Amino acid sequence: MRVVSLQIESRSGNRFMETPDMLHEQLDGQLRLAQLDPLRGQQFSVRKRDGRVVPFDETRIQLALEAAFKADAGLQDDQPLPTAAQGDVIRVAHAVIHAAIAHAVKGDALEIEFIQDLVETKLMEASHHSIARRYVLYREERRKARALRDERTVEGAPQARPFVTRADNTRERLYPQRIRRCLIGACRGIESHCSARNLADETLRNLYDGVRPDEIERAMILAARSRIEREPDYTFVAARLLLRSIYREALPGFGTPAELAVQHRDHFQNCIARGVEVSRLTPDLLKFDLPRLAASLRPDRDQQFTYMGVQTLYDRYFLHHEGRRLETPQYFWMRVAMGLAINEGRQKNERAIEFYEVLSTFRFISSTPTLFNAGTLHPQLSSCYLSTVMDDLEHIFKVISDDAKLSKWAGGLGNDWTNIRATGAHIKGTNGTSQGVIPFLKV
């Protein structure tokens, strides 16, 4: 068995130099060397999981170990390791590299899993047990991620992947990584409480071959919604997922959240014009300075919504035509603001922006009739109506008719029935007795 001093140069030009002052490792006596440097002129390759063969790059081993040591010490990526820890990294890295090269020189193939097994083994042999445990858990997480990305089960066996059926009945492969990316984005900022991986697992379990894109979105939302009682922050995850569906419905050509502000600004005039065209909005809204109002939109404020808030707006308040929503939350707030400022004359644009600011930041929310009707062809903004019913059959049914019309436009009703004669009172016209107000209340 021979002790050697190795100098290894990577593809990137980095060098690891083992000097007499550093720990020397043994190569099991398997190297039959004709030259002073046992690695001179030799190249080693590594077979990756997908079958690709790439050059052996020992720098990746040291970088992986540095990351593991930093994670165990609670250091950020840009923070240096203490000198002692850096020495430990070099020792373990050399042990792994030497063992891998000895394996390769014997003619055995270097597999990526074998190298990672060596890292675990050498960490344990060097008594870095907590770091080895972190490394094992990290490998398991990556294995599960590959199961989603590479169409394999956690055990590594190929798994069937369903197809997605588009609106035009064309079919395409379902790519789990797209679902995972979407859920990672929805959990951004609250990852400590919400797990995108768990949501992805549950979503994929609920899909079937031929699933539609809207059903995939609904499955993601339901996966997040079902966790709200256990972790309240999932309400924001579910809200963000629902918002993505709303954007796709209301914004033609919606791409990514990064483009949301531009798309809101560019499409706002078309939204108002479309609402007027389908007789949902008053043409007076076209007299506003629409580019100026569009520039005031703040779609980032949608992130304030909880799931229930977004769902309520979608179900009850957004304008729609033939089953398709015409508004996003910020379009909705601006439409209400424009309806409130419509009679402000030359100051209507300024007033509309002021109303929008207080509405979209939740500092003030108008009543339901205002939210329903502002800016529409029937701008009924009042909430409550009180009427007095006279003791006259025609007036009784007139009030009932008025109540029906007011209720149609979201008005709250209050009727004073004091004047109606009591049960058992004499009716002169028919010579009968009154049954009181109850029969009329049942109408």
Protein backbone atom coordinates (compact mmCIF):
# COMPACT_ATOMS: atom_id res chain seq x y z
CA MET A 1 0.00 0.00 0.00
CA ARG A 2 1.43 3.32 -1.05
CA VAL A 3 0.94 6.83 0.33
CA VAL A 4 0.96 9.43 -2.43
CA SER A 5 0.62 13.18 -2.69
CA LEU A 6 -2.03 14.13 -5.22
CA GLN A 7 -2.46 17.32 -7.18
CA ILE A 8 -5.77 17.28 -9.04
CA GLU A 9 -6.86 19.93 -11.51
CA SER A 10 -10.53 20.30 -12.34
CA ARG A 11 -12.14 21.35 -15.61
CA SER A 12 -12.68 24.80 -14.13
CA GLY A 13 -8.96 25.21 -13.38
CA ASN A 14 -9.32 24.95 -9.59
CA ARG A 15 -6.65 22.90 -7.85
CA PHE A 16 -6.60 20.92 -4.65
CA MET A 17 -3.05 20.50 -3.39
CA GLU A 18 -2.28 18.01 -0.66
CA THR A 19 1.02 18.95 0.91
CA PRO A 20 2.98 17.19 3.66
CA ASP A 21 1.32 19.60 6.10
CA MET A 22 -2.11 18.27 5.18
CA LEU A 23 -3.69 14.93 5.82
CA HIS A 24 -2.52 12.23 3.34
CA GLU A 25 -4.88 9.52 2.21
CA GLN A 26 -4.22 6.00 0.98
CA LEU A 27 -5.43 4.62 -2.35
CA ASP A 28 -5.76 0.93 -1.34
CA GLY A 29 -2.63 0.01 -3.25
CA GLN A 30 -4.61 -0.42 -6.46
CA LEU A 31 -2.81 2.20 -8.54
CA ARG A 32 -0.19 0.76 -10.84
CA LEU A 33 1.64 3.86 -11.87
CA ALA A 34 4.34 4.38 -14.43
CA GLN A 35 4.88 8.05 -13.78
CA LEU A 36 5.47 10.27 -10.77
CA ASP A 37 1.95 11.76 -10.87
CA PRO A 38 -0.50 8.81 -10.79
CA LEU A 39 -3.27 10.83 -12.47
CA ARG A 40 -1.26 12.42 -15.23
CA GLY A 41 -2.92 11.83 -18.59
CA GLN A 42 -5.90 10.02 -17.08
CA GLN A 43 -9.46 11.25 -17.35
CA PHE A 44 -12.39 9.97 -15.34
CA SER A 45 -16.08 10.21 -16.10
CA VAL A 46 -19.26 10.04 -14.08
CA ARG A 47 -22.52 8.53 -15.25
CA LYS A 48 -25.50 10.63 -14.18
CA ARG A 49 -28.96 9.33 -13.36
CA ASP A 50 -30.33 10.06 -16.81
CA GLY A 51 -27.54 8.07 -18.47
CA ARG A 52 -25.41 11.02 -19.54
CA VAL A 53 -21.66 10.69 -19.05
CA VAL A 54 -19.84 13.81 -17.88
CA PRO A 55 -16.23 14.48 -16.83
CA PHE A 56 -15.44 13.89 -13.18
CA ASP A 57 -15.26 17.30 -11.47
CA GLU A 58 -13.93 17.05 -7.93
CA THR A 59 -14.73 20.70 -7.21
CA ARG A 60 -18.41 19.78 -7.05
CA ILE A 61 -17.66 17.48 -4.12
CA GLN A 62 -15.95 20.22 -2.15
CA LEU A 63 -18.71 22.73 -2.93
CA ALA A 64 -21.38 20.27 -1.80
CA LEU A 65 -19.51 19.64 1.44
CA GLU A 66 -19.04 23.35 2.05
CA ALA A 67 -22.78 23.88 1.60
CA ALA A 68 -23.53 21.07 4.07
CA PHE A 69 -21.10 22.44 6.67
CA LYS A 70 -22.52 25.97 6.28
CA ALA A 71 -26.09 24.71 6.65
CA ASP A 72 -25.15 22.84 9.81
CA ALA A 73 -23.45 25.96 11.20
CA GLY A 74 -26.37 28.23 10.25
CA LEU A 75 -24.24 30.29 7.83
CA GLN A 76 -25.43 31.99 4.66
CA ASP A 77 -24.01 30.97 1.29
CA ASP A 78 -21.84 34.09 1.11
CA GLN A 79 -20.43 33.67 4.63
CA PRO A 80 -17.04 31.96 4.95
CA LEU A 81 -16.52 28.86 7.03
CA PRO A 82 -14.24 29.05 10.06
CA THR A 83 -10.69 27.86 9.39
CA ALA A 84 -11.17 24.64 11.34
CA ALA A 85 -14.36 23.78 9.45
CA GLN A 86 -12.67 24.57 6.13
CA GLY A 87 -9.94 22.12 7.05
CA ASP A 88 -12.58 19.47 7.79
CA VAL A 89 -14.15 20.11 4.39
CA ILE A 90 -10.81 19.59 2.64
CA ARG A 91 -10.09 16.40 4.57
CA VAL A 92 -13.47 14.84 3.80
CA ALA A 93 -13.34 16.01 0.18
CA HIS A 94 -9.91 14.42 -0.30
CA ALA A 95 -11.11 11.20 1.28
CA VAL A 96 -14.08 11.06 -1.09
CA ILE A 97 -12.00 11.98 -4.15
CA HIS A 98 -9.32 9.41 -3.40
CA ALA A 99 -11.86 6.66 -2.81
CA ALA A 100 -13.71 7.55 -6.03
CA ILE A 101 -10.52 7.59 -8.10
CA ALA A 102 -9.37 4.30 -6.63
CA HIS A 103 -12.71 2.85 -7.63
CA ALA A 104 -12.41 4.24 -11.16
CA VAL A 105 -8.79 3.12 -11.65
CA LYS A 106 -9.84 -0.46 -10.93
CA GLY A 107 -12.09 -0.18 -13.96
CA ASP A 108 -15.38 0.27 -12.13
CA ALA A 109 -17.80 2.88 -13.44
CA LEU A 110 -18.32 6.01 -11.37
CA GLU A 111 -22.02 6.54 -10.74
CA ILE A 112 -23.39 9.70 -9.18
CA GLU A 113 -25.18 7.70 -6.48
CA PHE A 114 -21.92 5.92 -5.61
CA ILE A 115 -20.12 9.25 -5.14
CA GLN A 116 -22.90 10.58 -2.92
CA ASP A 117 -22.78 7.37 -0.89
CA LEU A 118 -19.06 7.98 -0.43
CA VAL A 119 -19.77 11.48 0.87
CA GLU A 120 -22.13 10.07 3.49
CA THR A 121 -19.66 7.36 4.48
CA LYS A 122 -16.68 9.69 4.80
CA LEU A 123 -18.68 12.20 6.84
CA MET A 124 -19.66 9.45 9.25
CA GLU A 125 -16.09 8.10 9.44
CA ALA A 126 -14.90 11.61 10.31
CA SER A 127 -17.54 11.80 13.10
CA HIS A 128 -19.48 14.62 11.41
CA HIS A 129 -22.75 12.90 12.28
CA SER A 130 -25.10 15.91 12.23
CA ILE A 131 -23.78 17.00 8.83
CA ALA A 132 -24.14 13.47 7.48
CA ARG A 133 -27.74 13.42 8.69
CA ARG A 134 -28.46 16.71 6.91
CA TYR A 135 -26.88 15.33 3.76
CA VAL A 136 -29.03 12.19 3.91
CA LEU A 137 -32.20 14.26 4.33
CA TYR A 138 -31.16 16.54 1.48
CA ARG A 139 -30.68 13.56 -0.84
CA GLU A 140 -34.11 12.25 0.08
CA GLU A 141 -35.72 15.60 -0.70
CA ARG A 142 -33.97 15.71 -4.06
CA ARG A 143 -35.07 12.15 -4.80
CA LYS A 144 -38.71 13.06 -4.20
CA ALA A 145 -38.34 16.16 -6.37
CA ARG A 146 -36.93 14.03 -9.19
CA ALA A 147 -39.88 11.71 -8.82
CA LEU A 148 -42.14 14.62 -9.75
CA ARG A 149 -39.84 16.02 -12.41
CA ASP A 150 -38.61 12.85 -14.08
CA GLU A 151 -41.83 10.83 -14.17
CA ARG A 152 -40.58 8.29 -11.64
CA THR A 153 -41.94 7.08 -8.37
CA VAL A 154 -40.07 7.75 -5.15
CA GLU A 155 -38.74 4.19 -5.42
CA GLY A 156 -37.27 5.03 -8.84
CA ALA A 157 -39.62 3.01 -11.03
CA PRO A 158 -41.11 4.65 -14.16
CA GLN A 159 -44.61 5.92 -13.56
CA ALA A 160 -47.40 6.61 -16.01
CA ARG A 161 -48.02 10.28 -16.60
CA PRO A 162 -51.52 11.43 -17.55
CA PHE A 163 -52.41 13.70 -20.42
CA VAL A 164 -54.07 17.11 -20.25
CA THR A 165 -57.05 17.80 -22.52
CA ARG A 166 -57.13 21.35 -23.86
CA ALA A 167 -60.26 23.34 -24.71
CA ASP A 168 -59.84 22.41 -28.39
CA ASN A 169 -59.71 18.71 -27.40
CA THR A 170 -56.00 18.41 -28.18
CA ARG A 171 -53.95 16.43 -25.67
CA GLU A 172 -50.53 17.07 -24.24
CA ARG A 173 -48.39 15.53 -21.54
CA LEU A 174 -48.92 16.61 -17.96
CA TYR A 175 -45.66 18.04 -16.64
CA PRO A 176 -45.58 17.84 -12.82
CA GLN A 177 -42.74 20.36 -12.62
CA ARG A 178 -45.09 23.06 -13.94
CA ILE A 179 -47.48 22.39 -11.09
CA ARG A 180 -44.60 22.45 -8.65
CA ARG A 181 -43.27 25.77 -9.99
CA CYS A 182 -46.72 27.30 -9.71
CA LEU A 183 -47.08 26.16 -6.11
CA ILE A 184 -43.60 27.36 -5.20
CA GLY A 185 -44.59 30.80 -6.48
CA ALA A 186 -47.83 30.71 -4.50
CA CYS A 187 -45.92 29.86 -1.30
CA ARG A 188 -43.22 32.50 -1.80
CA GLY A 189 -42.60 34.47 1.36
CA ILE A 190 -44.43 32.02 3.62
CA GLU A 191 -42.41 28.88 2.90
CA SER A 192 -41.71 28.39 6.60
CA HIS A 193 -45.41 27.69 7.15
CA CYS A 194 -46.60 26.37 3.79
CA SER A 195 -45.12 23.43 1.87
CA ALA A 196 -45.25 23.61 -1.92
CA ARG A 197 -44.05 20.01 -2.10
CA ASN A 198 -46.94 18.70 0.01
CA LEU A 199 -49.40 20.68 -2.08
CA ALA A 200 -47.87 19.28 -5.28
CA ASP A 201 -48.09 15.72 -3.96
CA GLU A 202 -51.76 16.11 -3.07
CA THR A 203 -52.59 17.84 -6.35
CA LEU A 204 -50.99 15.11 -8.45
CA ARG A 205 -52.81 12.40 -6.50
CA ASN A 206 -56.13 13.99 -7.46
CA LEU A 207 -55.50 14.24 -11.21
CA TYR A 208 -56.55 11.76 -13.88
CA ASP A 209 -55.79 11.06 -17.50
CA GLY A 210 -57.53 13.65 -19.67
CA VAL A 211 -57.78 16.26 -16.91
CA ARG A 212 -58.58 19.80 -18.06
CA PRO A 213 -56.34 22.78 -17.21
CA ASP A 214 -59.08 24.41 -15.12
CA GLU A 215 -59.42 21.19 -13.12
CA ILE A 216 -55.70 21.25 -12.38
CA GLU A 217 -56.04 24.80 -11.08
CA ARG A 218 -59.03 23.79 -8.99
CA ALA A 219 -57.12 20.82 -7.56
CA MET A 220 -54.27 23.09 -6.47
CA ILE A 221 -56.69 25.54 -4.86
CA LEU A 222 -58.53 22.76 -3.02
CA ALA A 223 -55.24 21.31 -1.79
CA ALA A 224 -54.33 24.69 -0.27
CA ARG A 225 -57.83 25.43 1.01
CA SER A 226 -58.05 22.13 2.87
CA ARG A 227 -55.03 23.14 4.98
CA ILE A 228 -56.27 26.57 6.09
CA GLU A 229 -57.70 25.32 9.39
CA ARG A 230 -54.36 23.78 10.34
CA GLU A 231 -52.20 26.65 9.07
CA PRO A 232 -53.91 30.02 8.42
CA ASP A 233 -51.21 31.17 5.97
CA TYR A 234 -52.54 28.68 3.43
CA THR A 235 -55.40 31.14 2.90
CA PHE A 236 -52.92 33.37 1.05
CA VAL A 237 -51.64 30.43 -0.99
CA ALA A 238 -55.19 29.54 -2.04
CA ALA A 239 -55.92 33.20 -2.80
CA ARG A 240 -52.85 33.52 -5.03
CA LEU A 241 -53.78 30.38 -6.94
CA LEU A 242 -57.34 31.64 -7.46
CA LEU A 243 -55.99 35.01 -8.58
CA ARG A 244 -53.96 33.29 -11.29
CA SER A 245 -57.17 31.73 -12.60
CA ILE A 246 -58.90 35.12 -12.54
CA TYR A 247 -56.05 36.76 -14.43
CA ARG A 248 -56.21 34.10 -17.13
CA GLU A 249 -59.96 34.61 -17.42
CA ALA A 250 -59.99 38.41 -17.45
CA LEU A 251 -56.65 39.29 -19.06
CA PRO A 252 -56.22 38.00 -22.62
CA GLY A 253 -52.77 36.56 -23.10
CA PHE A 254 -51.89 36.52 -19.40
CA GLY A 255 -48.38 35.18 -19.09
CA THR A 256 -46.45 35.35 -15.85
CA PRO A 257 -46.92 37.27 -12.59
CA ALA A 258 -43.87 39.35 -13.51
CA GLU A 259 -45.84 40.82 -16.43
CA LEU A 260 -48.97 41.47 -14.40
CA ALA A 261 -48.56 45.23 -13.91
CA VAL A 262 -47.94 45.84 -17.62
CA GLN A 263 -50.86 43.64 -18.65
CA HIS A 264 -53.20 45.39 -16.22
CA ARG A 265 -52.23 48.77 -17.60
CA ASP A 266 -52.42 47.74 -21.26
CA HIS A 267 -55.78 45.96 -21.03
CA PHE A 268 -57.68 48.40 -18.81
CA GLN A 269 -59.14 50.48 -21.65
CA ASN A 270 -60.26 47.33 -23.44
CA CYS A 271 -61.93 46.12 -20.24
CA ILE A 272 -63.99 49.31 -19.91
CA ALA A 273 -64.83 49.33 -23.61
CA ARG A 274 -65.89 45.68 -23.47
CA GLY A 275 -68.10 46.36 -20.46
CA VAL A 276 -69.82 49.18 -22.34
CA GLU A 277 -70.16 47.05 -25.46
CA VAL A 278 -72.00 44.25 -23.65
CA SER A 279 -74.21 46.74 -21.74
CA ARG A 280 -72.66 46.12 -18.35
CA LEU A 281 -71.10 49.57 -17.91
CA THR A 282 -72.29 53.08 -18.61
CA PRO A 283 -70.71 54.80 -21.64
CA ASP A 284 -69.89 57.73 -19.34
CA LEU A 285 -66.89 55.75 -18.08
CA LEU A 286 -65.29 56.19 -21.50
CA LYS A 287 -65.09 59.94 -20.78
CA PHE A 288 -62.50 59.38 -18.05
CA ASP A 289 -58.78 59.68 -18.75
CA LEU A 290 -58.40 55.90 -19.00
CA PRO A 291 -54.61 55.82 -19.62
CA ARG A 292 -54.10 57.93 -16.50
CA LEU A 293 -56.32 55.68 -14.42
CA ALA A 294 -54.62 52.59 -15.85
CA ALA A 295 -51.25 53.94 -14.74
CA SER A 296 -52.61 54.21 -11.19
CA LEU A 297 -53.52 50.51 -10.94
CA ARG A 298 -51.58 48.51 -8.34
CA PRO A 299 -52.06 44.78 -9.00
CA ASP A 300 -49.54 43.96 -6.26
CA ARG A 301 -52.28 44.86 -3.78
CA ASP A 302 -54.07 41.66 -4.76
CA GLN A 303 -51.62 39.92 -2.41
CA GLN A 304 -53.54 41.38 0.54
CA PHE A 305 -56.55 39.17 -0.13
CA THR A 306 -57.36 36.03 1.77
CA TYR A 307 -58.92 33.15 -0.10
CA MET A 308 -62.45 33.91 1.11
CA GLY A 309 -62.13 37.53 0.02
CA VAL A 310 -61.09 36.67 -3.53
CA GLN A 311 -63.68 33.91 -3.83
CA THR A 312 -66.46 36.25 -2.66
CA LEU A 313 -65.51 38.91 -5.19
CA TYR A 314 -65.37 36.31 -7.95
CA ASP A 315 -68.71 34.73 -7.09
CA ARG A 316 -70.75 37.86 -6.33
CA TYR A 317 -69.19 41.14 -7.39
CA PHE A 318 -67.15 40.93 -10.58
CA LEU A 319 -68.91 41.94 -13.79
CA HIS A 320 -69.28 39.04 -16.17
CA HIS A 321 -70.65 38.28 -19.60
CA GLU A 322 -71.70 34.84 -20.81
CA GLY A 323 -70.05 33.21 -17.82
CA ARG A 324 -66.71 34.98 -18.24
CA ARG A 325 -65.44 37.54 -15.72
CA LEU A 326 -64.53 40.90 -17.17
CA GLU A 327 -62.72 42.22 -14.10
CA THR A 328 -59.72 41.52 -11.93
CA PRO A 329 -59.75 42.77 -8.32
CA GLN A 330 -57.94 46.00 -9.24
CA TYR A 331 -60.21 46.62 -12.25
CA PHE A 332 -63.14 46.10 -9.90
CA TRP A 333 -61.88 48.69 -7.40
CA MET A 334 -61.19 51.21 -10.17
CA ARG A 335 -64.60 50.66 -11.76
CA VAL A 336 -66.29 51.33 -8.40
CA ALA A 337 -64.09 54.40 -7.89
CA MET A 338 -65.03 55.73 -11.33
CA GLY A 339 -68.71 55.20 -10.57
CA LEU A 340 -68.38 57.17 -7.34
CA ALA A 341 -66.53 60.02 -9.08
CA ILE A 342 -68.66 60.14 -12.21
CA ASN A 343 -70.38 63.41 -11.25
CA GLU A 344 -67.23 65.20 -10.06
CA GLY A 345 -66.88 67.23 -13.27
CA ARG A 346 -63.34 68.28 -14.15
CA GLN A 347 -62.00 66.67 -11.00
CA LYS A 348 -63.45 63.24 -11.71
CA ASN A 349 -60.10 61.64 -12.63
CA GLU A 350 -58.44 62.92 -9.45
CA ARG A 351 -61.41 61.86 -7.34
CA ALA A 352 -61.50 58.43 -8.98
CA ILE A 353 -57.83 57.86 -8.13
CA GLU A 354 -58.46 59.00 -4.55
CA PHE A 355 -61.40 56.62 -4.20
CA TYR A 356 -59.31 53.83 -5.74
CA GLU A 357 -56.51 54.37 -3.22
CA VAL A 358 -58.76 53.97 -0.19
CA LEU A 359 -60.72 51.06 -1.67
CA SER A 360 -57.79 49.01 -2.95
CA THR A 361 -55.90 49.34 0.34
CA PHE A 362 -58.96 48.23 2.35
CA ARG A 363 -59.06 51.49 4.31
CA PHE A 364 -62.69 51.84 3.30
CA ILE A 365 -65.07 49.45 1.55
CA SER A 366 -68.35 50.64 0.12
CA SER A 367 -71.59 48.82 0.81
CA THR A 368 -72.76 45.97 -1.38
CA PRO A 369 -75.12 47.98 -3.65
CA THR A 370 -72.30 50.39 -4.44
CA LEU A 371 -69.91 47.55 -5.24
CA PHE A 372 -72.55 45.91 -7.42
CA ASN A 373 -73.82 48.92 -9.31
CA ALA A 374 -71.23 51.72 -9.40
CA GLY A 375 -70.36 52.54 -12.99
CA THR A 376 -73.12 50.38 -14.43
CA LEU A 377 -76.23 51.34 -16.39
CA HIS A 378 -78.22 51.28 -13.15
CA PRO A 379 -76.01 53.09 -10.61
CA GLN A 380 -78.13 52.38 -7.54
CA LEU A 381 -75.73 52.97 -4.65
CA SER A 382 -78.04 53.06 -1.65
CA SER A 383 -78.13 50.25 0.87
CA CYS A 384 -81.39 50.60 2.81
CA TYR A 385 -84.97 51.62 2.09
CA LEU A 386 -87.76 52.20 4.59
CA SER A 387 -91.38 52.38 3.51
CA THR A 388 -94.66 52.76 5.38
CA VAL A 389 -97.48 50.48 4.28
CA MET A 390 -100.97 52.00 4.35
CA ASP A 391 -104.11 50.06 5.21
CA ASP A 392 -105.15 49.81 1.59
CA LEU A 393 -104.99 46.77 -0.67
CA GLU A 394 -103.60 48.68 -3.65
CA HIS A 395 -100.93 50.35 -1.55
CA ILE A 396 -99.99 47.07 0.10
CA PHE A 397 -99.23 45.46 -3.26
CA LYS A 398 -97.56 48.62 -4.56
CA VAL A 399 -95.10 48.42 -1.67
CA ILE A 400 -94.53 44.72 -2.37
CA SER A 401 -93.85 45.57 -6.02
CA ASP A 402 -91.46 48.36 -5.02
CA ASP A 403 -89.67 46.02 -2.63
CA ALA A 404 -89.13 43.49 -5.42
CA LYS A 405 -87.59 46.14 -7.69
CA LEU A 406 -85.38 47.54 -4.94
CA SER A 407 -84.24 44.07 -3.97
CA LYS A 408 -83.28 43.42 -7.59
CA TRP A 409 -80.66 46.18 -7.31
CA ALA A 410 -79.31 45.01 -3.94
CA GLY A 411 -81.27 47.40 -1.75
CA GLY A 412 -81.95 46.46 1.85
CA LEU A 413 -85.63 46.68 2.79
CA GLY A 414 -87.57 47.79 5.86
CA ASN A 415 -91.37 48.02 5.91
CA ASP A 416 -93.51 49.69 8.54
CA TRP A 417 -96.75 47.68 8.80
CA THR A 418 -98.15 49.63 11.76
CA ASN A 419 -101.11 50.99 9.82
CA ILE A 420 -102.42 47.60 8.77
CA ARG A 421 -105.49 46.58 10.77
CA ALA A 422 -105.07 43.80 13.28
CA THR A 423 -106.16 40.20 12.99
CA GLY A 424 -109.93 39.89 13.48
CA ALA A 425 -110.67 43.53 12.64
CA HIS A 426 -113.84 44.23 10.59
CA ILE A 427 -113.53 44.73 6.82
CA LYS A 428 -116.30 47.04 5.69
CA GLY A 429 -116.15 46.24 1.98
CA THR A 430 -116.55 42.49 2.33
CA ASN A 431 -118.17 42.45 5.77
CA GLY A 432 -115.47 39.99 6.73
CA THR A 433 -112.62 39.96 9.25
CA SER A 434 -108.97 40.79 8.69
CA GLN A 435 -106.25 38.15 8.87
CA GLY A 436 -103.65 40.77 9.79
CA VAL A 437 -100.25 41.30 8.14
CA ILE A 438 -99.05 37.67 8.07
CA PRO A 439 -100.65 36.70 4.72
CA PHE A 440 -99.06 39.74 3.05
CA LEU A 441 -95.64 38.99 4.51
CA LYS A 442 -95.79 35.57 2.89
CA VAL A 443 -96.18 37.04 -0.59
